[in-house]
């Protein structure tokens, strides 16, 4: 597929260290169609991709921290190791906008 990447701003992040799973709650900033099996990508400002993780499950939510928005989505992501786990947990600290794509870049 040649669709534009989906942009996602994480607002709340929490993790399950023993399973290396991270849940991101946030807002779709561009795009609307997020599905299980897509991939979350984190890239530096110069475009270098620092990580790609599979989205195990899309969680539907109407509100986060008492704010309501139809663009809120939750993402359950599986990390490859503890470094990935820590990187993804840090996303909300820096208000990073990440990309969601159909396929992982090799």
Protein backbone atom coordinates (compact mmCIF):
# COMPACT_ATOMS: atom_id res chain seq x y z
CA UNK A 1 0.00 0.00 0.00
CA UNK A 2 1.17 3.49 -0.76
CA UNK A 3 -0.80 5.42 1.82
CA UNK A 4 0.56 8.34 3.75
CA UNK A 5 1.93 7.36 7.17
CA UNK A 6 -0.32 7.89 10.16
CA UNK A 7 0.96 10.37 12.77
CA UNK A 8 0.31 9.62 16.44
CA UNK A 9 0.98 11.71 19.56
CA UNK A 10 1.30 9.65 22.74
CA UNK A 11 -0.20 11.26 25.84
CA UNK A 12 -0.06 8.43 28.40
CA UNK A 13 2.41 5.54 28.36
CA UNK A 14 2.64 2.60 30.71
CA UNK A 15 4.30 -0.75 30.46
CA UNK A 16 4.42 -4.32 31.63
CA UNK A 17 8.15 -4.98 32.02
CA UNK A 18 7.84 -8.75 32.58
CA UNK A 19 6.06 -9.13 29.19
CA UNK A 20 7.93 -6.28 27.44
CA UNK A 21 4.57 -4.78 26.44
CA UNK A 22 3.88 -1.04 26.32
CA UNK A 23 0.47 0.60 26.11
CA UNK A 24 0.36 4.03 24.51
CA UNK A 25 -2.75 6.16 24.84
CA UNK A 26 -2.80 9.09 22.49
CA UNK A 27 -4.24 10.97 19.60
CA UNK A 28 -4.14 10.43 15.87
CA UNK A 29 -2.76 13.64 14.38
CA UNK A 30 -2.96 12.54 10.73
CA UNK A 31 -4.70 9.51 9.28
CA UNK A 32 -7.59 7.52 10.69
CA UNK A 33 -7.21 3.83 9.90
CA UNK A 34 -5.03 2.04 12.49
CA UNK A 35 -5.25 -1.75 12.64
CA UNK A 36 -3.72 -4.60 14.61
CA UNK A 37 -0.53 -5.79 12.91
CA UNK A 38 0.57 -2.36 11.72
CA UNK A 39 3.90 -0.97 12.94
CA UNK A 40 4.85 1.93 15.19
CA UNK A 41 8.04 3.75 14.12
CA UNK A 42 10.16 6.19 16.06
CA UNK A 43 12.43 8.40 13.97
CA UNK A 44 14.88 11.18 14.69
CA UNK A 45 14.21 14.64 13.26
CA UNK A 46 16.63 13.90 10.40
CA UNK A 47 14.48 10.92 9.37
CA UNK A 48 16.66 8.09 10.70
CA UNK A 49 14.39 5.36 12.07
CA UNK A 50 15.53 4.27 15.55
CA UNK A 51 12.95 1.53 16.02
CA UNK A 52 9.93 -0.26 14.62
CA UNK A 53 7.51 -2.30 16.73
CA UNK A 54 4.43 -4.31 15.86
CA UNK A 55 1.08 -3.10 17.17
CA UNK A 56 -0.50 -6.15 18.79
CA UNK A 57 -3.85 -4.51 19.44
CA UNK A 58 -5.60 -1.20 18.81
CA UNK A 59 -7.53 -0.11 21.90
CA UNK A 60 -10.49 2.22 21.38
CA UNK A 61 -10.98 5.00 23.92
CA UNK A 62 -13.08 8.14 24.07
CA UNK A 63 -11.19 10.10 26.69
CA UNK A 64 -7.75 10.42 28.27
CA UNK A 65 -7.08 12.35 31.48
CA UNK A 66 -10.62 13.76 31.47
CA UNK A 67 -10.35 15.10 27.90
CA UNK A 68 -12.61 13.71 25.20
CA UNK A 69 -11.59 13.39 21.56
CA UNK A 70 -12.80 11.10 18.76
CA UNK A 71 -9.18 10.71 17.57
CA UNK A 72 -7.96 9.03 20.78
CA UNK A 73 -6.60 5.50 20.31
CA UNK A 74 -4.67 3.13 22.49
CA UNK A 75 -1.90 0.94 21.10
CA UNK A 76 -0.54 -2.24 22.68
CA UNK A 77 3.03 -2.70 21.40
CA UNK A 78 5.44 -5.60 21.90
CA UNK A 79 9.04 -4.58 22.61
CA UNK A 80 12.04 -6.61 21.48
CA UNK A 81 14.14 -5.95 24.59
CA UNK A 82 14.42 -3.77 27.72
CA UNK A 83 16.07 -0.90 25.78
CA UNK A 84 13.06 -0.74 23.45
CA UNK A 85 10.76 -0.86 26.46
CA UNK A 86 12.53 2.13 28.05
CA UNK A 87 12.57 4.07 24.75
CA UNK A 88 8.84 3.66 24.20
CA UNK A 89 8.03 4.55 27.80
CA UNK A 90 9.95 7.83 27.35
CA UNK A 91 7.79 8.97 24.42
CA UNK A 92 5.24 10.85 26.51
CA UNK A 93 7.99 12.77 28.30
CA UNK A 94 9.06 14.46 25.08
CA UNK A 95 5.64 14.77 23.39
CA UNK A 96 6.96 12.85 20.41
CA UNK A 97 4.83 12.33 17.35
CA UNK A 98 5.51 8.85 16.01
CA UNK A 99 4.55 7.22 12.72
CA UNK A 100 2.32 4.21 12.12
CA UNK A 101 2.97 2.30 8.90
CA UNK A 102 1.63 -0.84 7.18
CA UNK A 103 5.00 -2.63 6.98
CA UNK A 104 8.20 -2.57 9.00
CA UNK A 105 11.18 -1.07 7.16
CA UNK A 106 14.05 -3.48 7.01
